[in-house]
């Protein structure tokens, strides 16, 4: 029978030994779970997921296998499926500080921030020295609009890990949303240095340059974000606003529409830019519909009312004088 004590330390050798054991009909569910852990350590995600499914098929009460599948699904942003796996793990009494963290992150993904608050708080109580749990709590608080507490907990995360990229990520997002671009900039620089293939950092850098009216540099940054993550809606919003600032309204409109297609929900600012892009490219009726919405939702802002009046007026077309039917000669 396969004996773990005889296996050498190499992950590949561990996998090979477990595979031989399974091939010799020693295919207990625990071996699939052990091999899945090794596959995960080797970043062989699909192989790990297949072993975890086999493990739960052979032993439906194997709680850790459901937990490991939930982590994989969470990384894929398949939040509903991840939640189902976590419920199975919980049903079979699998419980750790990290399971609370995975539940918290799943609820953040589902935008159920009140539930995320509960689970991230529990994770911190179980393991108060873990920086990433404070970041999760901060994400939950940001989701409820409580950015003051979020900033407090992100600083607590940095006290435990002064170079925590997840903490820098959330801090830069909060500072950018608050238009505190100079405060976000050092974190964005560090993020690009450590994770140059992550589109988020390039999008944040684009926002910094856009705010400082360095439009061409902002365009380069937003395009880099899209190159790395072609379905990054917020990068298309940044690209659209950059073209808008250059008065290239057709290009601005094209990118606003792409951002919406990818899930961007219009806020007051982006709806105004979209509406004016429609107007300046000649689509007055669609612009009018957006101006109506803005006027009704934000009646205190007079520019929306002025814009609505402008596009509601008929266009005066120049009249060509016809030649007189009588000749003066």
Protein backbone atom coordinates (compact mmCIF):
# COMPACT_ATOMS: atom_id res chain seq x y z
CA UNK A 1 0.00 0.00 0.00
CA UNK A 2 1.12 3.56 -0.69
CA UNK A 3 2.83 5.12 2.32
CA UNK A 4 3.11 8.95 2.45
CA UNK A 5 6.17 8.65 4.71
CA UNK A 6 8.16 7.07 1.86
CA UNK A 7 7.39 9.79 -0.67
CA UNK A 8 10.11 12.30 -1.54
CA UNK A 9 9.51 16.01 -1.00
CA UNK A 10 9.02 16.99 -4.66
CA UNK A 11 5.41 17.84 -5.50
CA UNK A 12 5.71 16.08 -8.85
CA UNK A 13 6.95 12.91 -7.13
CA UNK A 14 4.09 13.09 -4.63
CA UNK A 15 1.61 13.33 -7.50
CA UNK A 16 3.22 10.42 -9.32
CA UNK A 17 3.13 8.20 -6.22
CA UNK A 18 -0.52 8.97 -5.48
CA UNK A 19 -1.39 8.37 -9.14
CA UNK A 20 0.29 4.93 -8.99
CA UNK A 21 -1.65 4.12 -5.84
CA UNK A 22 -4.95 5.12 -7.49
CA UNK A 23 -4.10 3.12 -10.62
CA UNK A 24 -3.58 0.05 -8.42
CA UNK A 25 -7.22 0.29 -7.32
CA UNK A 26 -6.28 2.00 -4.07
CA UNK A 27 -8.60 4.80 -5.09
CA UNK A 28 -10.01 5.98 -1.78
CA UNK A 29 -11.63 9.45 -1.85
CA UNK A 30 -8.88 10.86 0.38
CA UNK A 31 -6.23 10.12 -2.25
CA UNK A 32 -8.08 12.23 -4.79
CA UNK A 33 -8.33 15.03 -2.25
CA UNK A 34 -4.60 14.78 -1.47
CA UNK A 35 -3.68 14.79 -5.14
CA UNK A 36 -5.99 17.78 -5.70
CA UNK A 37 -4.09 19.72 -3.01
CA UNK A 38 -0.84 18.95 -4.82
CA UNK A 39 -2.31 19.95 -8.17
CA UNK A 40 -3.40 23.25 -6.62
CA UNK A 41 0.12 23.79 -5.28
CA UNK A 42 1.37 23.24 -8.86
CA UNK A 43 -1.28 25.60 -10.28
CA UNK A 44 -2.91 22.73 -12.21
CA UNK A 45 -6.40 23.99 -11.51
CA UNK A 46 -8.46 21.85 -13.89
CA UNK A 47 -6.75 18.64 -12.77
CA UNK A 48 -7.37 19.61 -9.14
CA UNK A 49 -11.03 20.38 -9.80
CA UNK A 50 -11.57 17.02 -11.52
CA UNK A 51 -10.02 15.17 -8.56
CA UNK A 52 -12.18 17.12 -6.12
CA UNK A 53 -15.32 16.19 -8.06
CA UNK A 54 -14.24 12.54 -8.02
CA UNK A 55 -13.56 12.73 -4.28
CA UNK A 56 -17.05 14.06 -3.51
CA UNK A 57 -18.66 11.52 -5.85
CA UNK A 58 -16.96 8.72 -3.90
CA UNK A 59 -17.58 10.34 -0.50
CA UNK A 60 -20.31 13.01 -0.49
CA UNK A 61 -19.45 13.91 3.13
CA UNK A 62 -15.90 15.09 2.31
CA UNK A 63 -16.30 18.69 3.46
CA UNK A 64 -12.82 19.95 2.54
CA UNK A 65 -13.29 18.89 -1.10
CA UNK A 66 -16.33 21.18 -1.40
CA UNK A 67 -14.32 24.00 0.19
CA UNK A 68 -11.46 23.58 -2.27
CA UNK A 69 -13.91 23.57 -5.19
CA UNK A 70 -15.48 26.75 -3.83
CA UNK A 71 -12.07 28.47 -3.86
CA UNK A 72 -11.54 27.49 -7.49
CA UNK A 73 -15.02 28.72 -8.47
CA UNK A 74 -14.44 31.96 -6.55
CA UNK A 75 -11.25 32.61 -8.52
CA UNK A 76 -13.30 32.11 -11.71
CA UNK A 77 -15.88 34.62 -10.36
CA UNK A 78 -18.57 31.93 -10.47
CA UNK A 79 -20.04 33.22 -7.24
CA UNK A 80 -23.35 31.34 -7.18
CA UNK A 81 -21.63 28.00 -7.75
CA UNK A 82 -18.99 28.85 -5.15
CA UNK A 83 -21.76 29.57 -2.66
CA UNK A 84 -23.34 26.16 -3.31
CA UNK A 85 -20.02 24.45 -2.62
CA UNK A 86 -19.55 26.43 0.60
CA UNK A 87 -23.01 25.39 1.79
CA UNK A 88 -22.02 21.77 1.17
CA UNK A 89 -18.76 22.24 3.07
CA UNK A 90 -20.67 23.76 5.96
CA UNK A 91 -23.25 20.96 5.92
CA UNK A 92 -20.43 18.45 6.43
CA UNK A 93 -18.86 20.44 9.27
CA UNK A 94 -15.86 21.84 7.44
CA UNK A 95 -15.04 25.10 9.20
CA UNK A 96 -11.84 27.18 9.32
CA UNK A 97 -10.99 30.90 9.41
CA UNK A 98 -10.36 30.69 5.66
CA UNK A 99 -13.80 29.21 5.04
CA UNK A 100 -15.24 32.35 6.65
CA UNK A 101 -13.01 34.45 4.38
CA UNK A 102 -14.13 32.55 1.28
CA UNK A 103 -17.77 33.08 2.27
CA UNK A 104 -17.07 36.79 2.77
CA UNK A 105 -15.42 37.13 -0.63
CA UNK A 106 -18.23 35.20 -2.29
CA UNK A 107 -20.82 37.54 -0.77
CA UNK A 108 -18.75 40.55 -1.92
CA UNK A 109 -18.85 39.09 -5.44
CA UNK A 110 -22.62 38.71 -5.13
CA UNK A 111 -22.84 42.30 -3.78
CA UNK A 112 -24.44 41.02 -0.58
CA UNK A 113 -22.27 43.24 1.56
CA UNK A 114 -24.09 42.92 4.90
CA UNK A 115 -23.51 39.17 4.88
CA UNK A 116 -19.92 39.70 3.77
CA UNK A 117 -19.42 41.95 6.81
CA UNK A 118 -20.48 39.19 9.19
CA UNK A 119 -18.19 36.55 7.71
CA UNK A 120 -15.13 38.80 7.34
CA UNK A 121 -15.55 39.91 10.96
CA UNK A 122 -15.66 36.28 12.07
CA UNK A 123 -12.52 35.49 10.07
CA UNK A 124 -10.69 38.32 11.89
CA UNK A 125 -11.86 37.07 15.30
CA UNK A 126 -10.57 33.60 14.48
CA UNK A 127 -7.23 34.84 13.08
CA UNK A 128 -6.59 38.51 13.96
CA UNK A 129 -3.06 38.55 12.54
CA UNK A 130 -4.10 37.90 8.92
CA UNK A 131 -3.87 41.05 6.79
CA UNK A 132 -6.08 39.73 3.98
CA UNK A 133 -9.05 39.35 6.33
CA UNK A 134 -8.95 43.09 7.14
CA UNK A 135 -8.93 43.78 3.40
CA UNK A 136 -12.04 41.63 3.02
CA UNK A 137 -13.74 43.50 5.85
CA UNK A 138 -12.81 46.78 4.14
CA UNK A 139 -14.25 45.56 0.81
CA UNK A 140 -17.50 44.73 2.59
CA UNK A 141 -17.59 48.15 4.24
CA UNK A 142 -16.87 49.92 0.95
CA UNK A 143 -19.76 48.01 -0.58
CA UNK A 144 -22.11 49.44 2.04
CA UNK A 145 -20.72 52.95 1.45
CA UNK A 146 -18.80 53.06 4.73
CA UNK A 147 -15.46 54.12 3.24
CA UNK A 148 -14.29 55.72 6.52
CA UNK A 149 -14.27 52.36 8.30
CA UNK A 150 -12.90 50.71 5.16
CA UNK A 151 -9.88 53.04 5.21
CA UNK A 152 -9.37 52.31 8.91
CA UNK A 153 -9.31 48.54 8.30
CA UNK A 154 -7.06 48.84 5.28
CA UNK A 155 -4.55 50.65 7.47
CA UNK A 156 -4.88 47.81 9.98
CA UNK A 157 -4.08 45.41 7.14
CA UNK A 158 -0.96 47.41 6.26
CA UNK A 159 0.15 47.33 9.89
CA UNK A 160 0.29 43.53 9.54
CA UNK A 161 1.70 43.51 6.00
CA UNK A 162 3.16 46.83 4.90
CA UNK A 163 3.35 45.74 1.23
CA UNK A 164 -0.07 44.09 0.98
CA UNK A 165 -1.11 44.45 -2.68
CA UNK A 166 -4.78 43.68 -1.90
CA UNK A 167 -4.73 46.53 0.63
CA UNK A 168 -3.05 48.88 -1.88
CA UNK A 169 -5.62 47.86 -4.45
CA UNK A 170 -8.58 48.74 -2.25
CA UNK A 171 -6.98 51.94 -0.97
CA UNK A 172 -6.23 53.14 -4.50
CA UNK A 173 -9.80 52.34 -5.57
CA UNK A 174 -11.25 54.33 -2.65
CA UNK A 175 -8.91 57.28 -3.18
CA UNK A 176 -9.65 57.31 -6.91
CA UNK A 177 -13.41 57.21 -6.27
CA UNK A 178 -12.94 60.17 -3.92
CA UNK A 179 -10.85 61.92 -6.59
CA UNK A 180 -7.83 61.87 -4.26
CA UNK A 181 -5.61 60.86 -7.15
CA UNK A 182 -2.31 61.98 -5.63
CA UNK A 183 -2.92 59.76 -2.58
CA UNK A 184 -3.66 56.79 -4.87
CA UNK A 185 -0.66 57.34 -7.14
CA UNK A 186 2.15 55.78 -5.01
CA UNK A 187 0.07 52.63 -4.52
CA UNK A 188 -0.69 52.42 -8.23
CA UNK A 189 3.01 52.76 -9.04
CA UNK A 190 3.83 49.91 -6.65
CA UNK A 191 1.02 47.79 -8.10
CA UNK A 192 2.29 48.22 -11.66
CA UNK A 193 5.82 47.35 -10.56
CA UNK A 194 4.73 44.11 -8.86
CA UNK A 195 1.77 43.13 -11.09
CA UNK A 196 2.39 44.70 -14.52
CA UNK A 197 -0.01 42.24 -16.18
CA UNK A 198 -2.97 43.32 -14.04
CA UNK A 199 -5.23 45.70 -15.97
CA UNK A 200 -6.62 47.23 -12.77
CA UNK A 201 -3.39 49.12 -12.06
CA UNK A 202 -3.19 50.54 -15.59
CA UNK A 203 -6.81 51.68 -15.38
CA UNK A 204 -6.04 53.45 -12.10
CA UNK A 205 -2.96 55.03 -13.64
CA UNK A 206 -5.10 56.27 -16.53
CA UNK A 207 -7.44 57.95 -14.05
CA UNK A 208 -4.48 59.73 -12.48
CA UNK A 209 -3.26 61.09 -15.83
CA UNK A 210 -6.80 61.99 -16.91
CA UNK A 211 -7.26 64.04 -13.75
CA UNK A 212 -3.95 65.81 -14.43
CA UNK A 213 -5.06 66.59 -18.01
CA UNK A 214 -2.37 64.42 -19.56
CA UNK A 215 -4.89 62.98 -21.98
CA UNK A 216 -2.57 61.24 -24.43
CA UNK A 217 -0.77 59.47 -21.57
CA UNK A 218 -4.14 58.51 -20.08
CA UNK A 219 -5.16 56.99 -23.43
CA UNK A 220 -2.02 54.85 -23.45
CA UNK A 221 -2.76 53.62 -19.91
CA UNK A 222 -6.41 52.77 -20.60
CA UNK A 223 -5.48 50.99 -23.82
CA UNK A 224 -2.90 48.94 -21.91
CA UNK A 225 -5.57 47.95 -19.37
CA UNK A 226 -7.86 46.81 -22.19
CA UNK A 227 -5.04 44.96 -23.91
CA UNK A 228 -4.50 42.97 -20.70
CA UNK A 229 -8.21 42.57 -19.88
CA UNK A 230 -10.37 42.99 -23.01
CA UNK A 231 -13.63 42.93 -21.01
CA UNK A 232 -12.64 45.55 -18.43
CA UNK A 233 -15.63 47.89 -18.54
CA UNK A 234 -14.12 50.68 -16.42
CA UNK A 235 -11.09 50.92 -18.70
CA UNK A 236 -13.46 51.56 -21.63
CA UNK A 237 -15.14 54.28 -19.56
CA UNK A 238 -11.73 55.90 -19.02
CA UNK A 239 -10.97 55.60 -22.71
CA UNK A 240 -14.32 57.17 -23.56
CA UNK A 241 -13.79 60.12 -21.23
CA UNK A 242 -10.29 60.65 -22.63
CA UNK A 243 -11.66 60.90 -26.18
CA UNK A 244 -14.44 63.15 -24.90
CA UNK A 245 -11.84 65.51 -23.43
CA UNK A 246 -10.20 65.63 -26.88
CA UNK A 247 -13.64 66.45 -28.38
CA UNK A 248 -13.65 63.22 -30.34
CA UNK A 249 -17.29 62.55 -29.53
CA UNK A 250 -17.77 59.68 -31.97
CA UNK A 251 -14.92 57.73 -30.39
CA UNK A 252 -16.17 58.66 -26.92
CA UNK A 253 -19.65 57.34 -27.78
CA UNK A 254 -18.24 54.12 -29.20
CA UNK A 255 -16.33 53.39 -25.99
CA UNK A 256 -19.18 54.39 -23.67
CA UNK A 257 -21.44 51.92 -25.47
CA UNK A 258 -18.79 49.19 -25.21
CA UNK A 259 -18.48 49.83 -21.47
CA UNK A 260 -22.25 49.51 -21.07
CA UNK A 261 -22.21 46.30 -23.08
CA UNK A 262 -19.62 44.94 -20.62
CA UNK A 263 -21.75 45.84 -17.59
CA UNK A 264 -20.91 49.45 -16.69
CA UNK A 265 -23.88 51.06 -14.92
CA UNK A 266 -24.21 54.72 -15.76
CA UNK A 267 -23.80 57.19 -12.93
CA UNK A 268 -24.60 60.91 -13.05
CA UNK A 269 -21.22 61.81 -14.55
CA UNK A 270 -21.00 59.13 -17.22
CA UNK A 271 -24.65 59.56 -18.22
CA UNK A 272 -24.01 63.27 -18.82
CA UNK A 273 -20.95 62.50 -20.95
CA UNK A 274 -22.89 59.86 -22.89
CA UNK A 275 -25.82 62.23 -23.44
CA UNK A 276 -23.64 65.04 -24.73
CA UNK A 277 -21.73 62.59 -26.94
CA UNK A 278 -25.05 61.60 -28.49
CA UNK A 279 -25.97 65.25 -28.96
CA UNK A 280 -22.68 66.29 -30.54
CA UNK A 281 -22.78 63.33 -32.94
CA UNK A 282 -26.28 64.31 -34.11
CA UNK A 283 -28.46 61.83 -32.22
CA UNK A 284 -30.55 64.46 -30.45
CA UNK A 285 -33.48 62.21 -29.60
CA UNK A 286 -31.37 59.69 -27.67
CA UNK A 287 -29.56 62.57 -25.99
CA UNK A 288 -32.95 64.04 -25.03
CA UNK A 289 -33.98 60.81 -23.29
CA UNK A 290 -30.84 60.92 -21.14
CA UNK A 291 -31.35 64.62 -20.38
CA UNK A 292 -34.92 63.87 -19.27
CA UNK A 293 -33.58 61.20 -16.89
CA UNK A 294 -30.93 63.55 -15.49
CA UNK A 295 -33.41 66.42 -15.08
CA UNK A 296 -35.86 64.23 -13.18
CA UNK A 297 -33.27 62.56 -10.96
CA UNK A 298 -31.10 65.63 -10.31
CA UNK A 299 -33.52 68.61 -10.52
CA UNK A 300 -31.11 70.79 -8.51
CA UNK A 301 -28.61 70.85 -11.39
CA UNK A 302 -29.69 73.51 -13.92
CA UNK A 303 -27.38 72.40 -16.74
CA UNK A 304 -29.49 69.29 -17.36
CA UNK A 305 -32.60 71.43 -17.80
CA UNK A 306 -30.74 73.78 -20.16
CA UNK A 307 -29.48 70.82 -22.21
CA UNK A 308 -32.98 69.35 -22.41
CA UNK A 309 -34.36 72.66 -23.66
CA UNK A 310 -31.57 72.88 -26.22
CA UNK A 311 -32.24 69.48 -27.82
CA UNK A 312 -36.02 69.90 -27.60
CA UNK A 313 -36.00 73.00 -29.82
CA UNK A 314 -36.49 72.30 -33.53
CA UNK A 315 -33.44 72.80 -35.71
CA UNK A 316 -33.77 75.93 -37.78
CA UNK A 317 -32.82 75.10 -41.33
CA UNK A 318 -31.60 77.88 -43.66
CA UNK A 319 -34.02 78.77 -46.46
CA UNK A 320 -32.66 79.16 -49.98
CA UNK A 321 -34.10 82.18 -51.78
CA UNK A 322 -35.79 81.14 -54.98
CA UNK A 323 -35.19 83.17 -58.12
CA UNK A 324 -37.88 85.68 -58.83
CA UNK A 325 -40.28 84.63 -61.54
CA UNK A 326 -40.08 88.14 -62.93
CA UNK A 327 -37.04 89.29 -64.77
CA UNK A 328 -35.74 92.72 -64.05
CA UNK A 329 -34.49 92.97 -67.57
